[in-house]
Amino acid sequence: MERKNELLEVLKQDEAARRFLKHAVQTKGGEDVEPLKDVKPDAITKLESFGLFELIDHKHVLKEEVELAELQQMLVEAVESKEVAKETKQLNLRAEANRLNVELKAKFDEIARNNDPIEYFTKLIAPSIAGESYEEIKKAILIMLASNKDKDGVRRRVHVLLFGAPGTAKGEFLWYLYNNFDAHFIGAATSAVGLKGDARGKEITPGELYYANDGILALDEIEKVPNDDRQSLLENFLRV
């Protein structure tokens, strides 16, 4: 029973081991089975230690005396256990998200009762950058951060374009988004294949826009971006 439990734990933890053993069971034993190429080394050792396989002509072969029905049942138990654990984790994550949403709404309502929310939260945007001239920029960034949930295929995401002379805090705002909201910060030479990506035969080498999808793209010095990429950005991301 102890060895059975040990094998069950191996199967629960290693998907490749389950896939390998399932294939072996389906061959009814005695036939060549696929190599253990994707199975973790410690799982290979454990599977072999249970006496399920022997090495013949450099291939792992299921022993004929192995009880296939018992192995099949163990595979079912392992998969069911994995699915239950996955579902439980998802339920816990949803419950935690709901709890946080309730707390956040209560906190927001408390703040809104005594403050103008836009004025209140604007002061939290890049607080190290001071001066009345930056208040409108901070409000625009606040609205951008609050508009990231598009619905029904309608794009409501607000984009912010900063321009001005060197030393006017443009980069500071970008770094603020990078450090506090996990923005994807890129410059003109960040990607060897540019923003959009590069097609080579049937393979696609992703560009920076691919990696920034569903997040915040903080693009520095847009005027230095290659013409083709800049035109694509203007057509698809900055139009109203």
C-alpha atoms as a PDB file:
ATOM      1  CA  MET A   1       0.000   0.000   0.000  1.00  0.00           C
ATOM      2  CA  GLU A   2       2.838   2.385   0.833  1.00  0.00           C
ATOM      3  CA  ARG A   3       4.509   1.846  -2.555  1.00  0.00           C
ATOM      4  CA  LYS A   4       1.149   2.341  -4.274  1.00  0.00           C
ATOM      5  CA  ASN A   5       0.707   5.647  -2.467  1.00  0.00           C
ATOM      6  CA  GLU A   6       4.216   6.694  -3.457  1.00  0.00           C
ATOM      7  CA  LEU A   7       3.509   5.921  -7.109  1.00  0.00           C
ATOM      8  CA  LEU A   8       0.198   7.792  -6.885  1.00  0.00           C
ATOM      9  CA  GLU A   9       2.036  10.869  -5.575  1.00  0.00           C
ATOM     10  CA  VAL A  10       4.490  10.695  -8.484  1.00  0.00           C
ATOM     11  CA  LEU A  11       1.580  10.584 -10.928  1.00  0.00           C
ATOM     12  CA  LYS A  12      -0.194  13.461  -9.193  1.00  0.00           C
ATOM     13  CA  GLN A  13       2.849  15.710  -9.379  1.00  0.00           C
ATOM     14  CA  ASP A  14       4.171  14.913 -12.862  1.00  0.00           C
ATOM     15  CA  GLU A  15       1.867  15.325 -15.870  1.00  0.00           C
ATOM     16  CA  ALA A  16       4.473  13.878 -18.254  1.00  0.00           C
ATOM     17  CA  ALA A  17       4.726  10.772 -16.077  1.00  0.00           C
ATOM     18  CA  ARG A  18       0.949  10.360 -16.246  1.00  0.00           C
ATOM     19  CA  ARG A  19       1.004  10.783 -20.017  1.00  0.00           C
ATOM     20  CA  PHE A  20       3.785   8.227 -20.372  1.00  0.00           C
ATOM     21  CA  LEU A  21       2.085   5.677 -18.139  1.00  0.00           C
ATOM     22  CA  LYS A  22      -1.262   6.172 -19.867  1.00  0.00           C
ATOM     23  CA  HIS A  23       0.392   5.432 -23.210  1.00  0.00           C
ATOM     24  CA  ALA A  24       2.054   2.364 -21.734  1.00  0.00           C
ATOM     25  CA  VAL A  25      -1.258   1.058 -20.377  1.00  0.00           C
ATOM     26  CA  GLN A  26      -2.977   1.601 -23.723  1.00  0.00           C
ATOM     27  CA  THR A  27      -0.371  -0.574 -25.474  1.00  0.00           C
ATOM     28  CA  LYS A  28      -1.466  -3.454 -23.188  1.00  0.00           C
ATOM     29  CA  GLY A  29       2.107  -4.083 -22.086  1.00  0.00           C
ATOM     30  CA  GLY A  30       5.032  -5.700 -23.843  1.00  0.00           C
ATOM     31  CA  GLU A  31       5.164  -3.142 -26.656  1.00  0.00           C
ATOM     32  CA  ASP A  32       7.599  -0.301 -27.046  1.00  0.00           C
ATOM     33  CA  VAL A  33       6.358   2.839 -25.362  1.00  0.00           C
ATOM     34  CA  GLU A  34       7.307   6.434 -26.042  1.00  0.00           C
ATOM     35  CA  PRO A  35      10.597   7.646 -24.534  1.00  0.00           C
ATOM     36  CA  LEU A  36      10.579   9.341 -21.158  1.00  0.00           C
ATOM     37  CA  LYS A  37      11.804  12.564 -22.759  1.00  0.00           C
ATOM     38  CA  ASP A  38       9.526  14.956 -20.862  1.00  0.00           C
ATOM     39  CA  VAL A  39       9.481  13.246 -17.489  1.00  0.00           C
ATOM     40  CA  LYS A  40      11.481  14.769 -14.662  1.00  0.00           C
ATOM     41  CA  PRO A  41      14.647  12.760 -13.848  1.00  0.00           C
ATOM     42  CA  ASP A  42      13.516  11.969 -10.303  1.00  0.00           C
ATOM     43  CA  ALA A  43      10.170  10.726 -11.656  1.00  0.00           C
ATOM     44  CA  ILE A  44      11.973   8.431 -14.124  1.00  0.00           C
ATOM     45  CA  THR A  45      13.929   6.904 -11.254  1.00  0.00           C
ATOM     46  CA  LYS A  46      10.792   6.448  -9.179  1.00  0.00           C
ATOM     47  CA  LEU A  47       8.782   4.916 -12.028  1.00  0.00           C
ATOM     48  CA  GLU A  48      11.578   2.450 -12.729  1.00  0.00           C
ATOM     49  CA  SER A  49      11.934   1.651  -9.035  1.00  0.00           C
ATOM     50  CA  PHE A  50       8.340   0.396  -8.939  1.00  0.00           C
ATOM     51  CA  GLY A  51       9.302  -2.389 -11.354  1.00  0.00           C
ATOM     52  CA  LEU A  52       6.881  -1.246 -14.054  1.00  0.00           C
ATOM     53  CA  PHE A  53       9.437  -1.100 -16.866  1.00  0.00           C
ATOM     54  CA  GLU A  54      12.614  -2.650 -18.092  1.00  0.00           C
ATOM     55  CA  LEU A  55      15.149  -1.229 -20.510  1.00  0.00           C
ATOM     56  CA  ILE A  56      15.295  -3.109 -23.816  1.00  0.00           C
ATOM     57  CA  ASP A  57      17.323  -1.760 -26.744  1.00  0.00           C
ATOM     58  CA  HIS A  58      17.511   1.617 -25.016  1.00  0.00           C
ATOM     59  CA  LYS A  59      13.707   1.825 -24.828  1.00  0.00           C
ATOM     60  CA  HIS A  60      11.530   1.537 -21.758  1.00  0.00           C
ATOM     61  CA  VAL A  61       9.125  -1.376 -22.111  1.00  0.00           C
ATOM     62  CA  LEU A  62       6.217  -2.104 -19.802  1.00  0.00           C
ATOM     63  CA  LYS A  63       6.598  -5.459 -18.052  1.00  0.00           C
ATOM     64  CA  GLU A  64       4.021  -8.042 -19.090  1.00  0.00           C
ATOM     65  CA  GLU A  65       3.196  -9.060 -15.523  1.00  0.00           C
ATOM     66  CA  VAL A  66       2.167  -5.567 -14.495  1.00  0.00           C
ATOM     67  CA  GLU A  67      -1.498  -5.259 -13.520  1.00  0.00           C
ATOM     68  CA  LEU A  68      -2.828  -2.900 -16.185  1.00  0.00           C
ATOM     69  CA  ALA A  69      -6.251  -2.453 -14.572  1.00  0.00           C
ATOM     70  CA  GLU A  70      -4.666  -1.305 -11.326  1.00  0.00           C
ATOM     71  CA  LEU A  71      -2.424   1.157 -13.157  1.00  0.00           C
ATOM     72  CA  GLN A  72      -5.449   2.498 -15.068  1.00  0.00           C
ATOM     73  CA  GLN A  73      -7.304   3.067 -11.798  1.00  0.00           C
ATOM     74  CA  MET A  74      -4.310   4.892 -10.332  1.00  0.00           C
ATOM     75  CA  LEU A  75      -4.150   7.132 -13.373  1.00  0.00           C
ATOM     76  CA  VAL A  76      -7.834   7.993 -12.934  1.00  0.00           C
ATOM     77  CA  GLU A  77      -7.257   8.778  -9.245  1.00  0.00           C
ATOM     78  CA  ALA A  78      -4.233  10.946 -10.066  1.00  0.00           C
ATOM     79  CA  VAL A  79      -6.086  12.953 -12.705  1.00  0.00           C
ATOM     80  CA  GLU A  80      -9.159  13.387 -10.506  1.00  0.00           C
ATOM     81  CA  SER A  81      -6.984  14.506  -7.599  1.00  0.00           C
ATOM     82  CA  LYS A  82      -5.230  17.033  -9.835  1.00  0.00           C
ATOM     83  CA  GLU A  83      -8.535  18.368 -11.172  1.00  0.00           C
ATOM     84  CA  VAL A  84      -9.990  18.690  -7.673  1.00  0.00           C
ATOM     85  CA  ALA A  85      -6.898  20.562  -6.486  1.00  0.00           C
ATOM     86  CA  LYS A  86      -7.054  22.853  -9.533  1.00  0.00           C
ATOM     87  CA  GLU A  87     -10.756  23.552  -9.034  1.00  0.00           C
ATOM     88  CA  THR A  88     -10.233  24.208  -5.318  1.00  0.00           C
ATOM     89  CA  LYS A  89      -7.427  26.645  -6.088  1.00  0.00           C
ATOM     90  CA  GLN A  90      -9.600  28.476  -8.616  1.00  0.00           C
ATOM     91  CA  LEU A  91     -12.481  28.710  -6.144  1.00  0.00           C
ATOM     92  CA  ASN A  92     -10.144  30.064  -3.466  1.00  0.00           C
ATOM     93  CA  LEU A  93      -8.736  32.650  -5.879  1.00  0.00           C
ATOM     94  CA  ARG A  94     -12.234  33.768  -6.873  1.00  0.00           C
ATOM     95  CA  ALA A  95     -13.289  33.992  -3.224  1.00  0.00           C
ATOM     96  CA  GLU A  96     -10.216  36.058  -2.382  1.00  0.00           C
ATOM     97  CA  ALA A  97     -10.819  38.337  -5.381  1.00  0.00           C
ATOM     98  CA  ASN A  98     -14.433  38.851  -4.311  1.00  0.00           C
ATOM     99  CA  ARG A  99     -13.340  39.625  -0.758  1.00  0.00           C
ATOM    100  CA  LEU A 100     -10.811  42.188  -1.984  1.00  0.00           C
ATOM    101  CA  ASN A 101     -13.386  43.762  -4.298  1.00  0.00           C
ATOM    102  CA  VAL A 102     -15.793  44.176  -1.390  1.00  0.00           C
ATOM    103  CA  GLU A 103     -13.048  45.740   0.739  1.00  0.00           C
ATOM    104  CA  LEU A 104     -11.950  48.034  -2.079  1.00  0.00           C
ATOM    105  CA  LYS A 105     -15.513  49.185  -2.777  1.00  0.00           C
ATOM    106  CA  ALA A 106     -16.076  49.910   0.923  1.00  0.00           C
ATOM    107  CA  LYS A 107     -12.826  51.874   1.056  1.00  0.00           C
ATOM    108  CA  PHE A 108     -13.661  53.770  -2.127  1.00  0.00           C
ATOM    109  CA  ASP A 109     -17.141  54.633  -0.835  1.00  0.00           C
ATOM    110  CA  GLU A 110     -15.623  55.907   2.395  1.00  0.00           C
ATOM    111  CA  ILE A 111     -13.185  58.139   0.470  1.00  0.00           C
ATOM    112  CA  ALA A 112     -15.892  59.359  -1.934  1.00  0.00           C
ATOM    113  CA  ARG A 113     -18.152  60.459   0.910  1.00  0.00           C
ATOM    114  CA  ASN A 114     -15.641  63.116   1.942  1.00  0.00           C
ATOM    115  CA  ASN A 115     -13.611  63.796  -1.203  1.00  0.00           C
ATOM    116  CA  ASP A 116     -13.809  64.290  -4.930  1.00  0.00           C
ATOM    117  CA  PRO A 117     -12.408  60.878  -6.028  1.00  0.00           C
ATOM    118  CA  ILE A 118     -10.541  62.258  -9.045  1.00  0.00           C
ATOM    119  CA  GLU A 119      -8.889  64.993  -6.981  1.00  0.00           C
ATOM    120  CA  TYR A 120      -8.121  62.556  -4.162  1.00  0.00           C
ATOM    121  CA  PHE A 121      -6.548  59.822  -6.278  1.00  0.00           C
ATOM    122  CA  THR A 122      -4.746  62.254  -8.589  1.00  0.00           C
ATOM    123  CA  LYS A 123      -2.513  63.236  -5.690  1.00  0.00           C
ATOM    124  CA  LEU A 124      -1.353  59.603  -5.459  1.00  0.00           C
ATOM    125  CA  ILE A 125      -0.140  59.506  -9.075  1.00  0.00           C
ATOM    126  CA  ALA A 126       3.650  59.982  -9.211  1.00  0.00           C
ATOM    127  CA  PRO A 127       3.672  62.046  -5.978  1.00  0.00           C
ATOM    128  CA  SER A 128       7.352  62.939  -6.414  1.00  0.00           C
ATOM    129  CA  ILE A 129       6.443  65.072  -9.457  1.00  0.00           C
ATOM    130  CA  ALA A 130       5.149  68.369  -8.079  1.00  0.00           C
ATOM    131  CA  GLY A 131       3.582  71.419  -9.702  1.00  0.00           C
ATOM    132  CA  GLU A 132       0.171  72.541 -10.943  1.00  0.00           C
ATOM    133  CA  SER A 133       1.231  72.080 -14.558  1.00  0.00           C
ATOM    134  CA  TYR A 134       1.307  68.306 -14.013  1.00  0.00           C
ATOM    135  CA  GLU A 135      -2.170  67.981 -12.489  1.00  0.00           C
ATOM    136  CA  GLU A 136      -3.940  67.427 -15.819  1.00  0.00           C
ATOM    137  CA  ILE A 137      -1.376  64.813 -16.842  1.00  0.00           C
ATOM    138  CA  LYS A 138      -1.894  62.981 -13.555  1.00  0.00           C
ATOM    139  CA  LYS A 139      -5.660  63.059 -14.037  1.00  0.00           C
ATOM    140  CA  ALA A 140      -5.269  61.635 -17.553  1.00  0.00           C
ATOM    141  CA  ILE A 141      -3.079  58.820 -16.208  1.00  0.00           C
ATOM    142  CA  LEU A 142      -5.605  58.135 -13.446  1.00  0.00           C
ATOM    143  CA  ILE A 143      -8.417  57.844 -16.011  1.00  0.00           C
ATOM    144  CA  MET A 144      -6.185  55.593 -18.137  1.00  0.00           C
ATOM    145  CA  LEU A 145      -5.596  53.254 -15.185  1.00  0.00           C
ATOM    146  CA  ALA A 146      -9.338  53.135 -14.471  1.00  0.00           C
ATOM    147  CA  SER A 147     -10.355  52.403 -18.066  1.00  0.00           C
ATOM    148  CA  ASN A 148      -8.587  49.115 -18.683  1.00  0.00           C
ATOM    149  CA  LYS A 149     -11.676  46.874 -18.789  1.00  0.00           C
ATOM    150  CA  ASP A 150     -13.176  46.843 -22.255  1.00  0.00           C
ATOM    151  CA  LYS A 151     -16.594  45.230 -22.656  1.00  0.00           C
ATOM    152  CA  ASP A 152     -18.560  43.813 -25.578  1.00  0.00           C
ATOM    153  CA  GLY A 153     -15.761  44.521 -28.016  1.00  0.00           C
ATOM    154  CA  VAL A 154     -15.981  48.281 -27.473  1.00  0.00           C
ATOM    155  CA  ARG A 155     -12.569  49.808 -26.855  1.00  0.00           C
ATOM    156  CA  ARG A 156     -12.767  52.312 -24.035  1.00  0.00           C
ATOM    157  CA  ARG A 157      -9.119  52.277 -23.053  1.00  0.00           C
ATOM    158  CA  VAL A 158      -7.694  55.777 -22.654  1.00  0.00           C
ATOM    159  CA  HIS A 159      -4.203  56.401 -24.016  1.00  0.00           C
ATOM    160  CA  VAL A 160      -1.891  59.181 -22.866  1.00  0.00           C
ATOM    161  CA  LEU A 161       0.636  60.865 -25.141  1.00  0.00           C
ATOM    162  CA  LEU A 162       3.227  63.082 -23.435  1.00  0.00           C
ATOM    163  CA  PHE A 163       5.373  65.492 -25.402  1.00  0.00           C
ATOM    164  CA  GLY A 164       7.706  68.273 -24.420  1.00  0.00           C
ATOM    165  CA  ALA A 165      11.306  69.313 -24.005  1.00  0.00           C
ATOM    166  CA  PRO A 166      13.869  67.134 -22.199  1.00  0.00           C
ATOM    167  CA  GLY A 167      13.625  67.335 -18.429  1.00  0.00           C
ATOM    168  CA  THR A 168       9.840  67.777 -18.245  1.00  0.00           C
ATOM    169  CA  ALA A 169       9.194  64.514 -16.360  1.00  0.00           C
ATOM    170  CA  LYS A 170       7.933  62.437 -19.314  1.00  0.00           C
ATOM    171  CA  GLY A 171      10.247  59.568 -18.443  1.00  0.00           C
ATOM    172  CA  GLU A 172       9.403  59.889 -14.735  1.00  0.00           C
ATOM    173  CA  PHE A 173       5.746  59.219 -15.469  1.00  0.00           C
ATOM    174  CA  LEU A 174       6.674  56.155 -17.543  1.00  0.00           C
ATOM    175  CA  TRP A 175       8.895  54.775 -14.796  1.00  0.00           C
ATOM    176  CA  TYR A 176       6.132  55.388 -12.267  1.00  0.00           C
ATOM    177  CA  LEU A 177       3.804  53.169 -14.324  1.00  0.00           C
ATOM    178  CA  TYR A 178       6.562  50.599 -14.777  1.00  0.00           C
ATOM    179  CA  ASN A 179       7.349  50.368 -11.066  1.00  0.00           C
ATOM    180  CA  ASN A 180       3.810  50.540  -9.680  1.00  0.00           C
ATOM    181  CA  PHE A 181       1.615  48.909 -12.320  1.00  0.00           C
ATOM    182  CA  ASP A 182       3.948  46.437 -14.032  1.00  0.00           C
ATOM    183  CA  ALA A 183       3.922  48.424 -17.264  1.00  0.00           C
ATOM    184  CA  HIS A 184       5.926  47.144 -20.218  1.00  0.00           C
ATOM    185  CA  PHE A 185       8.605  49.830 -20.641  1.00  0.00           C
ATOM    186  CA  ILE A 186      10.230  49.853 -24.063  1.00  0.00           C
ATOM    187  CA  GLY A 187      12.333  52.139 -26.190  1.00  0.00           C
ATOM    188  CA  ALA A 188      12.959  52.420 -29.912  1.00  0.00           C
ATOM    189  CA  ALA A 189      15.652  49.711 -29.877  1.00  0.00           C
ATOM    190  CA  THR A 190      14.131  47.370 -27.294  1.00  0.00           C
ATOM    191  CA  SER A 191      13.161  44.615 -29.712  1.00  0.00           C
ATOM    192  CA  ALA A 192      15.292  43.363 -32.553  1.00  0.00           C
ATOM    193  CA  VAL A 193      12.102  42.590 -34.502  1.00  0.00           C
ATOM    194  CA  GLY A 194      10.383  45.878 -33.662  1.00  0.00           C
ATOM    195  CA  LEU A 195       7.009  46.427 -32.089  1.00  0.00           C
ATOM    196  CA  LYS A 196       4.829  44.237 -34.289  1.00  0.00           C
ATOM    197  CA  GLY A 197       6.915  41.107 -34.741  1.00  0.00           C
ATOM    198  CA  ASP A 198       8.709  39.342 -37.522  1.00  0.00           C
ATOM    199  CA  ALA A 199       7.383  36.513 -39.736  1.00  0.00           C
ATOM    200  CA  ARG A 200       9.988  34.027 -40.922  1.00  0.00           C
ATOM    201  CA  GLY A 201       8.405  31.269 -42.978  1.00  0.00           C
ATOM    202  CA  LYS A 202       5.808  29.596 -40.783  1.00  0.00           C
ATOM    203  CA  GLU A 203       7.344  30.904 -37.575  1.00  0.00           C
ATOM    204  CA  ILE A 204       6.482  34.189 -35.928  1.00  0.00           C
ATOM    205  CA  THR A 205       8.959  36.015 -33.728  1.00  0.00           C
ATOM    206  CA  PRO A 206       6.787  38.111 -31.391  1.00  0.00           C
ATOM    207  CA  GLY A 207       7.364  41.834 -31.158  1.00  0.00           C
ATOM    208  CA  GLU A 208       7.029  44.014 -28.099  1.00  0.00           C
ATOM    209  CA  LEU A 209       3.302  44.689 -28.609  1.00  0.00           C
ATOM    210  CA  TYR A 210       2.682  40.958 -28.182  1.00  0.00           C
ATOM    211  CA  TYR A 211       4.327  40.924 -24.761  1.00  0.00           C
ATOM    212  CA  ALA A 212       2.539  44.098 -23.657  1.00  0.00           C
ATOM    213  CA  ASN A 213      -0.909  42.801 -24.645  1.00  0.00           C
ATOM    214  CA  ASP A 214      -3.602  43.252 -21.947  1.00  0.00           C
ATOM    215  CA  GLY A 215      -1.216  45.427 -19.971  1.00  0.00           C
ATOM    216  CA  ILE A 216       0.243  48.922 -20.008  1.00  0.00           C
ATOM    217  CA  LEU A 217       2.690  49.820 -22.745  1.00  0.00           C
ATOM    218  CA  ALA A 218       5.029  52.627 -21.684  1.00  0.00           C
ATOM    219  CA  LEU A 219       6.743  53.595 -24.938  1.00  0.00           C
ATOM    220  CA  ASP A 220       9.637  56.022 -24.638  1.00  0.00           C
ATOM    221  CA  GLU A 221      10.703  58.349 -27.470  1.00  0.00           C
ATOM    222  CA  ILE A 222       8.115  57.309 -30.033  1.00  0.00           C
ATOM    223  CA  GLU A 223       9.705  59.570 -32.643  1.00  0.00           C
ATOM    224  CA  LYS A 224      12.720  57.234 -32.714  1.00  0.00           C
ATOM    225  CA  VAL A 225      10.664  54.119 -33.401  1.00  0.00           C
ATOM    226  CA  PRO A 226      11.116  52.762 -36.983  1.00  0.00           C
ATOM    227  CA  ASN A 227       8.626  54.292 -39.414  1.00  0.00           C
ATOM    228  CA  ASP A 228       6.624  51.119 -40.126  1.00  0.00           C
ATOM    229  CA  ASP A 229       6.147  50.348 -36.450  1.00  0.00           C
ATOM    230  CA  ARG A 230       5.307  53.950 -35.600  1.00  0.00           C
ATOM    231  CA  GLN A 231       2.681  54.107 -38.349  1.00  0.00           C
ATOM    232  CA  SER A 232       1.093  50.863 -37.111  1.00  0.00           C
ATOM    233  CA  LEU A 233       1.031  52.204 -33.568  1.00  0.00           C
ATOM    234  CA  LEU A 234      -0.609  55.449 -34.645  1.00  0.00           C
ATOM    235  CA  GLU A 235      -3.227  53.663 -36.757  1.00  0.00           C
ATOM    236  CA  ASN A 236      -4.183  50.973 -34.257  1.00  0.00           C
ATOM    237  CA  PHE A 237      -3.544  52.335 -30.788  1.00  0.00           C
ATOM    238  CA  LEU A 238      -3.659  56.117 -30.733  1.00  0.00           C
ATOM    239  CA  ARG A 239      -6.710  56.806 -32.875  1.00  0.00           C
ATOM    240  CA  VAL A 240      -9.927  57.892 -31.174  1.00  0.00           C
END
